[in-house]
N, C-alpha and C. Protein backbone atom coordinates (compact mmCIF):
# COMPACT_ATOMS: atom_id res chain seq x y z
N MET A 1 0.84 -1.19 0.00
CA MET A 1 0.00 0.00 0.00
C MET A 1 0.88 1.24 0.00
N ILE A 2 0.29 2.34 -0.33
CA ILE A 2 1.04 3.61 -0.38
C ILE A 2 1.45 4.01 1.03
N ASP A 3 2.70 4.35 1.19
CA ASP A 3 3.21 4.74 2.51
C ASP A 3 3.11 6.26 2.65
N LEU A 4 2.07 6.72 3.35
CA LEU A 4 1.89 8.15 3.58
C LEU A 4 1.91 8.42 5.07
N ASP A 5 2.38 9.61 5.42
CA ASP A 5 2.40 9.95 6.84
C ASP A 5 1.00 10.37 7.31
N GLN A 6 0.86 10.53 8.60
CA GLN A 6 -0.44 10.80 9.20
C GLN A 6 -1.04 12.12 8.71
N GLU A 7 -0.21 13.14 8.57
CA GLU A 7 -0.70 14.45 8.12
C GLU A 7 -1.29 14.37 6.71
N THR A 8 -0.66 13.62 5.84
CA THR A 8 -1.17 13.45 4.47
C THR A 8 -2.52 12.74 4.48
N TRP A 9 -2.64 11.70 5.33
CA TRP A 9 -3.93 11.00 5.42
C TRP A 9 -5.03 11.95 5.92
N ILE A 10 -4.68 12.82 6.87
CA ILE A 10 -5.66 13.78 7.39
C ILE A 10 -6.11 14.73 6.27
N TYR A 11 -5.15 15.23 5.49
CA TYR A 11 -5.50 16.11 4.37
C TYR A 11 -6.38 15.39 3.35
N LEU A 12 -6.01 14.16 3.02
CA LEU A 12 -6.81 13.39 2.06
C LEU A 12 -8.22 13.14 2.60
N THR A 13 -8.34 12.88 3.90
CA THR A 13 -9.65 12.68 4.51
C THR A 13 -10.49 13.95 4.45
N ILE A 14 -9.87 15.08 4.74
CA ILE A 14 -10.58 16.36 4.68
C ILE A 14 -11.07 16.63 3.26
N ILE A 15 -10.23 16.38 2.28
CA ILE A 15 -10.61 16.58 0.88
C ILE A 15 -11.76 15.64 0.50
N ALA A 16 -11.69 14.39 0.93
CA ALA A 16 -12.74 13.41 0.62
C ALA A 16 -14.07 13.82 1.26
N VAL A 17 -14.01 14.27 2.50
CA VAL A 17 -15.23 14.71 3.18
C VAL A 17 -15.81 15.93 2.47
N PHE A 18 -14.98 16.87 2.09
CA PHE A 18 -15.45 18.05 1.38
C PHE A 18 -16.12 17.67 0.06
N LEU A 19 -15.48 16.78 -0.71
CA LEU A 19 -16.06 16.35 -1.98
C LEU A 19 -17.38 15.62 -1.78
N ALA A 20 -17.44 14.75 -0.78
CA ALA A 20 -18.69 14.03 -0.50
C ALA A 20 -19.80 15.00 -0.13
N TYR A 21 -19.50 15.98 0.71
CA TYR A 21 -20.50 16.97 1.10
C TYR A 21 -20.94 17.80 -0.11
N PHE A 22 -19.99 18.20 -0.93
CA PHE A 22 -20.32 19.00 -2.12
C PHE A 22 -21.24 18.23 -3.06
N LEU A 23 -20.92 16.96 -3.32
CA LEU A 23 -21.77 16.16 -4.21
C LEU A 23 -23.15 15.93 -3.60
N TRP A 24 -23.21 15.63 -2.32
CA TRP A 24 -24.49 15.41 -1.64
C TRP A 24 -25.32 16.69 -1.68
N ASN A 25 -24.70 17.82 -1.41
CA ASN A 25 -25.42 19.09 -1.36
C ASN A 25 -25.92 19.50 -2.74
N SER A 26 -25.14 19.24 -3.79
CA SER A 26 -25.58 19.64 -5.13
C SER A 26 -26.77 18.79 -5.56
N ARG A 27 -26.77 17.50 -5.24
CA ARG A 27 -27.93 16.65 -5.57
C ARG A 27 -29.15 17.08 -4.78
N ARG A 28 -28.93 17.42 -3.52
CA ARG A 28 -30.04 17.87 -2.66
C ARG A 28 -30.60 19.18 -3.18
N ALA A 29 -29.74 20.11 -3.55
CA ALA A 29 -30.20 21.41 -4.07
C ALA A 29 -30.96 21.23 -5.38
N LYS A 30 -30.49 20.34 -6.23
CA LYS A 30 -31.17 20.08 -7.49
C LYS A 30 -32.57 19.52 -7.24
N ARG A 31 -32.67 18.59 -6.29
CA ARG A 31 -33.97 17.99 -5.97
C ARG A 31 -34.93 19.03 -5.38
N ILE A 32 -34.43 19.88 -4.50
CA ILE A 32 -35.27 20.91 -3.88
C ILE A 32 -35.74 21.91 -4.94
N LYS A 33 -34.84 22.28 -5.86
CA LYS A 33 -35.20 23.21 -6.93
C LYS A 33 -36.29 22.60 -7.81
N LYS A 34 -36.17 21.33 -8.13
CA LYS A 34 -37.18 20.65 -8.94
C LYS A 34 -38.51 20.60 -8.22
N GLN A 35 -38.49 20.29 -6.92
CA GLN A 35 -39.73 20.25 -6.14
C GLN A 35 -40.38 21.63 -6.08
N ARG A 36 -39.58 22.68 -5.91
CA ARG A 36 -40.11 24.04 -5.85
C ARG A 36 -40.75 24.42 -7.19
N LYS A 37 -40.07 24.04 -8.28
CA LYS A 37 -40.60 24.33 -9.61
C LYS A 37 -41.94 23.63 -9.81
N ASN A 38 -42.01 22.35 -9.45
CA ASN A 38 -43.26 21.61 -9.59
C ASN A 38 -44.35 22.19 -8.70
N ARG A 39 -44.00 22.59 -7.49
CA ARG A 39 -44.98 23.16 -6.57
C ARG A 39 -45.52 24.48 -7.14
N ASN A 40 -44.63 25.31 -7.67
CA ASN A 40 -45.07 26.57 -8.26
C ASN A 40 -45.96 26.33 -9.47
N PHE A 41 -45.63 25.33 -10.28
CA PHE A 41 -46.45 25.00 -11.44
C PHE A 41 -47.84 24.56 -11.00
N ARG A 42 -47.91 23.68 -10.02
CA ARG A 42 -49.21 23.20 -9.54
C ARG A 42 -50.02 24.35 -8.94
N LYS A 43 -49.34 25.25 -8.24
CA LYS A 43 -50.02 26.40 -7.63
C LYS A 43 -50.62 27.29 -8.71
N ARG A 44 -49.85 27.59 -9.74
CA ARG A 44 -50.38 28.42 -10.84
C ARG A 44 -51.52 27.71 -11.55
N TYR A 45 -51.37 26.38 -11.75
CA TYR A 45 -52.42 25.60 -12.42
C TYR A 45 -53.71 25.66 -11.61
N MET A 46 -53.62 25.48 -10.31
CA MET A 46 -54.82 25.51 -9.46
C MET A 46 -55.44 26.91 -9.44
N GLU A 47 -54.61 27.95 -9.44
CA GLU A 47 -55.15 29.32 -9.48
C GLU A 47 -55.91 29.55 -10.77
N ARG A 48 -55.36 29.12 -11.90
CA ARG A 48 -56.05 29.27 -13.18
C ARG A 48 -57.35 28.47 -13.20
N LYS A 49 -57.28 27.27 -12.66
CA LYS A 49 -58.47 26.41 -12.62
C LYS A 49 -59.56 27.06 -11.77
N GLN A 50 -59.20 27.61 -10.63
CA GLN A 50 -60.18 28.28 -9.76
C GLN A 50 -60.75 29.52 -10.44
N GLU A 51 -59.90 30.27 -11.17
CA GLU A 51 -60.40 31.45 -11.88
C GLU A 51 -61.41 31.04 -12.95
N LYS A 52 -61.12 29.98 -13.68
CA LYS A 52 -62.05 29.50 -14.70
C LYS A 52 -63.36 29.06 -14.07
N GLU A 53 -63.27 28.35 -12.94
CA GLU A 53 -64.48 27.89 -12.26
C GLU A 53 -65.29 29.07 -11.74
N SER A 54 -64.62 30.06 -11.19
CA SER A 54 -65.34 31.23 -10.67
C SER A 54 -65.95 32.04 -11.81
N ASP A 55 -65.26 32.10 -12.95
CA ASP A 55 -65.82 32.80 -14.11
C ASP A 55 -67.05 32.08 -14.64
N SER A 56 -67.03 30.76 -14.67
CA SER A 56 -68.18 30.01 -15.17
C SER A 56 -69.34 30.10 -14.20
N VAL A 57 -69.09 30.23 -12.91
CA VAL A 57 -70.15 30.37 -11.92
C VAL A 57 -70.79 31.75 -12.02
N VAL A 58 -70.00 32.77 -12.26
CA VAL A 58 -70.50 34.15 -12.34
C VAL A 58 -71.36 34.32 -13.58
N LYS A 59 -71.01 33.67 -14.68
CA LYS A 59 -71.75 33.85 -15.94
C LYS A 59 -73.06 33.19 -15.93
């Protein structure tokens, strides 16, 4: 195996943890953004649907 001193292993561990967190956070942010987009779409759709229903009731 590669012979590295303790300080090098600590640096490599810190880099690995940082990369893991960055990848996890980017996937999480992407998922949250997609959910927000879908929620906003459904909200606009329901608002339009309610406006159409209220217009048909008024007429």
